[in-house]
Amino acid sequence: MNQLAGRVAVVTGAGSGIGRALARALALEGARIVAADLDEAGMAETTRDLDAIAVRTDVTQRSQVLALADRAFSEVGAVHDI
């Protein structure tokens, strides 16, 4: 357990389905989650009990992906390959 403690993961599509499952699984292993999705209500559900932030992001828009990266680095200080 907590093999990912101190690590930060950005998970796109975190509002539902595989993205939600991945965010929760990484969090259970200790990772801090930056959840990205268009579905704000879904992200709120995903991140409710996690060490996470939610960032509304349309990954088809380069400017929004860059804003996601900026927010991740400014709020949590890092993003890791996991």
N, C-alpha and C. Protein backbone atom coordinates (compact mmCIF):
# COMPACT_ATOMS: atom_id res chain seq x y z
N MET A 1 0.83 -1.19 0.00
CA MET A 1 0.00 0.00 0.00
C MET A 1 0.87 1.25 0.00
N ASN A 2 0.31 2.32 -0.50
CA ASN A 2 0.97 3.62 -0.56
C ASN A 2 2.28 3.59 -1.33
N GLN A 3 2.34 2.77 -2.36
CA GLN A 3 3.53 2.71 -3.20
C GLN A 3 3.75 4.00 -3.96
N LEU A 4 2.71 4.80 -4.10
CA LEU A 4 2.80 6.04 -4.86
C LEU A 4 2.77 7.28 -3.97
N ALA A 5 3.01 7.10 -2.69
CA ALA A 5 3.00 8.24 -1.76
C ALA A 5 3.98 9.30 -2.24
N GLY A 6 3.53 10.55 -2.23
CA GLY A 6 4.37 11.65 -2.65
C GLY A 6 4.38 11.90 -4.14
N ARG A 7 3.66 11.09 -4.90
CA ARG A 7 3.60 11.24 -6.35
C ARG A 7 2.30 11.94 -6.73
N VAL A 8 2.30 12.60 -7.88
CA VAL A 8 1.13 13.31 -8.38
C VAL A 8 0.78 12.76 -9.75
N ALA A 9 -0.51 12.41 -9.94
CA ALA A 9 -0.98 11.90 -11.22
C ALA A 9 -2.08 12.80 -11.76
N VAL A 10 -1.95 13.19 -13.02
CA VAL A 10 -3.04 13.87 -13.72
C VAL A 10 -3.82 12.79 -14.45
N VAL A 11 -5.12 12.73 -14.18
CA VAL A 11 -5.97 11.71 -14.79
C VAL A 11 -7.05 12.42 -15.60
N THR A 12 -6.99 12.25 -16.92
CA THR A 12 -8.03 12.82 -17.77
C THR A 12 -9.20 11.84 -17.85
N GLY A 13 -10.38 12.38 -18.09
CA GLY A 13 -11.57 11.54 -18.12
C GLY A 13 -11.95 11.04 -16.74
N ALA A 14 -11.55 11.78 -15.71
CA ALA A 14 -11.72 11.33 -14.33
C ALA A 14 -13.15 11.44 -13.82
N GLY A 15 -14.05 12.00 -14.62
CA GLY A 15 -15.42 12.18 -14.16
C GLY A 15 -16.26 10.91 -14.16
N SER A 16 -15.79 9.87 -14.84
CA SER A 16 -16.57 8.63 -14.91
C SER A 16 -15.72 7.50 -15.49
N GLY A 17 -16.29 6.32 -15.51
CA GLY A 17 -15.71 5.17 -16.19
C GLY A 17 -14.28 4.83 -15.79
N ILE A 18 -13.48 4.54 -16.82
CA ILE A 18 -12.10 4.12 -16.60
C ILE A 18 -11.29 5.22 -15.93
N GLY A 19 -11.50 6.47 -16.31
CA GLY A 19 -10.78 7.58 -15.68
C GLY A 19 -11.05 7.66 -14.19
N ARG A 20 -12.33 7.51 -13.81
CA ARG A 20 -12.69 7.52 -12.38
C ARG A 20 -12.02 6.35 -11.66
N ALA A 21 -12.10 5.17 -12.25
CA ALA A 21 -11.51 3.98 -11.63
C ALA A 21 -10.01 4.14 -11.48
N LEU A 22 -9.36 4.69 -12.49
CA LEU A 22 -7.91 4.90 -12.42
C LEU A 22 -7.55 5.91 -11.34
N ALA A 23 -8.28 7.01 -11.28
CA ALA A 23 -8.01 8.03 -10.26
C ALA A 23 -8.13 7.42 -8.86
N ARG A 24 -9.18 6.67 -8.64
CA ARG A 24 -9.38 6.06 -7.32
C ARG A 24 -8.31 5.03 -7.01
N ALA A 25 -7.93 4.21 -7.98
CA ALA A 25 -6.90 3.19 -7.76
C ALA A 25 -5.56 3.84 -7.44
N LEU A 26 -5.20 4.88 -8.18
CA LEU A 26 -3.93 5.58 -7.91
C LEU A 26 -3.96 6.24 -6.53
N ALA A 27 -5.10 6.81 -6.18
CA ALA A 27 -5.22 7.45 -4.85
C ALA A 27 -5.09 6.41 -3.74
N LEU A 28 -5.66 5.23 -3.94
CA LEU A 28 -5.54 4.17 -2.93
C LEU A 28 -4.09 3.76 -2.72
N GLU A 29 -3.26 3.94 -3.74
CA GLU A 29 -1.84 3.63 -3.63
C GLU A 29 -1.03 4.83 -3.12
N GLY A 30 -1.74 5.93 -2.78
CA GLY A 30 -1.08 7.06 -2.15
C GLY A 30 -0.83 8.26 -3.03
N ALA A 31 -1.17 8.21 -4.31
CA ALA A 31 -0.91 9.33 -5.21
C ALA A 31 -1.89 10.47 -4.95
N ARG A 32 -1.41 11.68 -5.14
CA ARG A 32 -2.27 12.86 -5.16
C ARG A 32 -2.80 12.98 -6.58
N ILE A 33 -4.09 13.27 -6.72
CA ILE A 33 -4.75 13.24 -8.02
C ILE A 33 -5.11 14.65 -8.48
N VAL A 34 -4.80 14.94 -9.75
CA VAL A 34 -5.34 16.09 -10.44
C VAL A 34 -6.31 15.52 -11.46
N ALA A 35 -7.60 15.67 -11.18
CA ALA A 35 -8.65 15.09 -12.02
C ALA A 35 -9.06 16.10 -13.09
N ALA A 36 -9.12 15.64 -14.32
CA ALA A 36 -9.51 16.50 -15.43
C ALA A 36 -10.66 15.87 -16.20
N ASP A 37 -11.67 16.69 -16.51
CA ASP A 37 -12.82 16.23 -17.27
C ASP A 37 -13.69 17.43 -17.58
N LEU A 38 -14.62 17.27 -18.51
CA LEU A 38 -15.62 18.30 -18.77
C LEU A 38 -16.77 18.21 -17.76
N ASP A 39 -16.96 17.03 -17.21
CA ASP A 39 -18.08 16.76 -16.30
C ASP A 39 -17.70 17.15 -14.87
N GLU A 40 -18.07 18.37 -14.50
CA GLU A 40 -17.70 18.86 -13.16
C GLU A 40 -18.38 18.07 -12.05
N ALA A 41 -19.63 17.70 -12.23
CA ALA A 41 -20.33 16.92 -11.21
C ALA A 41 -19.68 15.54 -11.06
N GLY A 42 -19.31 14.94 -12.18
CA GLY A 42 -18.64 13.65 -12.13
C GLY A 42 -17.29 13.72 -11.43
N MET A 43 -16.54 14.80 -11.72
CA MET A 43 -15.25 14.96 -11.04
C MET A 43 -15.44 15.16 -9.54
N ALA A 44 -16.48 15.89 -9.16
CA ALA A 44 -16.75 16.09 -7.74
C ALA A 44 -17.02 14.75 -7.06
N GLU A 45 -17.77 13.88 -7.73
CA GLU A 45 -18.03 12.54 -7.20
C GLU A 45 -16.74 11.74 -7.10
N THR A 46 -15.92 11.81 -8.13
CA THR A 46 -14.65 11.07 -8.15
C THR A 46 -13.73 11.52 -7.03
N THR A 47 -13.62 12.81 -6.84
CA THR A 47 -12.62 13.35 -5.91
C THR A 47 -13.12 13.56 -4.49
N ARG A 48 -14.39 13.28 -4.25
CA ARG A 48 -15.00 13.57 -2.94
C ARG A 48 -14.14 13.12 -1.76
N ASP A 49 -13.64 11.92 -1.77
CA ASP A 49 -12.90 11.38 -0.63
C ASP A 49 -11.41 11.17 -0.93
N LEU A 50 -10.91 11.85 -1.96
CA LEU A 50 -9.52 11.67 -2.37
C LEU A 50 -8.70 12.92 -2.09
N ASP A 51 -7.38 12.76 -2.00
CA ASP A 51 -6.46 13.89 -1.96
C ASP A 51 -6.32 14.35 -3.40
N ALA A 52 -7.22 15.25 -3.83
CA ALA A 52 -7.31 15.57 -5.25
C ALA A 52 -7.79 17.00 -5.47
N ILE A 53 -7.50 17.49 -6.66
CA ILE A 53 -8.13 18.70 -7.15
C ILE A 53 -8.80 18.36 -8.47
N ALA A 54 -9.85 19.07 -8.80
CA ALA A 54 -10.58 18.85 -10.04
C ALA A 54 -10.42 20.07 -10.93
N VAL A 55 -10.10 19.84 -12.19
CA VAL A 55 -9.90 20.93 -13.14
C VAL A 55 -10.73 20.63 -14.38
N ARG A 56 -11.73 21.48 -14.64
CA ARG A 56 -12.54 21.30 -15.84
C ARG A 56 -11.64 21.51 -17.05
N THR A 57 -11.56 20.48 -17.91
CA THR A 57 -10.64 20.52 -19.05
C THR A 57 -11.24 19.81 -20.25
N ASP A 58 -11.19 20.48 -21.38
CA ASP A 58 -11.51 19.87 -22.66
C ASP A 58 -10.17 19.52 -23.30
N VAL A 59 -9.83 18.24 -23.30
CA VAL A 59 -8.50 17.84 -23.76
C VAL A 59 -8.31 17.99 -25.27
N THR A 60 -9.38 18.35 -25.98
CA THR A 60 -9.23 18.63 -27.41
C THR A 60 -8.78 20.07 -27.66
N GLN A 61 -8.71 20.86 -26.58
CA GLN A 61 -8.31 22.26 -26.69
C GLN A 61 -6.93 22.44 -26.05
N ARG A 62 -5.94 22.70 -26.87
CA ARG A 62 -4.56 22.82 -26.39
C ARG A 62 -4.45 23.83 -25.25
N SER A 63 -5.13 24.96 -25.37
CA SER A 63 -5.05 26.00 -24.34
C SER A 63 -5.56 25.48 -22.99
N GLN A 64 -6.57 24.63 -23.01
CA GLN A 64 -7.09 24.08 -21.76
C GLN A 64 -6.15 23.04 -21.17
N VAL A 65 -5.48 22.28 -22.01
CA VAL A 65 -4.50 21.30 -21.51
C VAL A 65 -3.32 22.04 -20.89
N LEU A 66 -2.88 23.11 -21.52
CA LEU A 66 -1.79 23.91 -20.95
C LEU A 66 -2.22 24.53 -19.62
N ALA A 67 -3.47 25.00 -19.55
CA ALA A 67 -3.99 25.55 -18.29
C ALA A 67 -4.05 24.46 -17.21
N LEU A 68 -4.41 23.25 -17.59
CA LEU A 68 -4.42 22.12 -16.66
C LEU A 68 -3.02 21.89 -16.11
N ALA A 69 -2.03 21.88 -16.98
CA ALA A 69 -0.64 21.68 -16.53
C ALA A 69 -0.20 22.80 -15.61
N ASP A 70 -0.52 24.04 -15.98
CA ASP A 70 -0.16 25.18 -15.12
C ASP A 70 -0.78 25.04 -13.74
N ARG A 71 -2.05 24.67 -13.71
CA ARG A 71 -2.73 24.54 -12.41
C ARG A 71 -2.14 23.40 -11.58
N ALA A 72 -1.84 22.29 -12.24
CA ALA A 72 -1.26 21.16 -11.52
C ALA A 72 0.07 21.56 -10.89
N PHE A 73 0.93 22.21 -11.66
CA PHE A 73 2.23 22.60 -11.11
C PHE A 73 2.11 23.68 -10.05
N SER A 74 1.18 24.62 -10.23
CA SER A 74 1.06 25.71 -9.26
C SER A 74 0.42 25.24 -7.95
N GLU A 75 -0.52 24.30 -8.02
CA GLU A 75 -1.23 23.87 -6.81
C GLU A 75 -0.57 22.70 -6.09
N VAL A 76 0.05 21.80 -6.83
CA VAL A 76 0.66 20.64 -6.18
C VAL A 76 2.16 20.52 -6.41
N GLY A 77 2.69 21.36 -7.28
CA GLY A 77 4.13 21.47 -7.40
C GLY A 77 4.85 20.49 -8.31
N ALA A 78 4.13 19.47 -8.77
CA ALA A 78 4.80 18.47 -9.60
C ALA A 78 3.76 17.61 -10.29
N VAL A 79 4.22 16.90 -11.31
CA VAL A 79 3.44 15.85 -11.96
C VAL A 79 4.43 14.74 -12.26
N HIS A 80 4.06 13.51 -11.97
CA HIS A 80 4.97 12.39 -12.13
C HIS A 80 4.46 11.39 -13.17
N ASP A 81 5.40 10.70 -13.82
CA ASP A 81 5.06 9.55 -14.65
C ASP A 81 4.74 8.42 -13.71
N ILE A 82 3.58 7.85 -13.88
CA ILE A 82 3.18 6.75 -13.00
C ILE A 82 2.78 5.58 -13.87
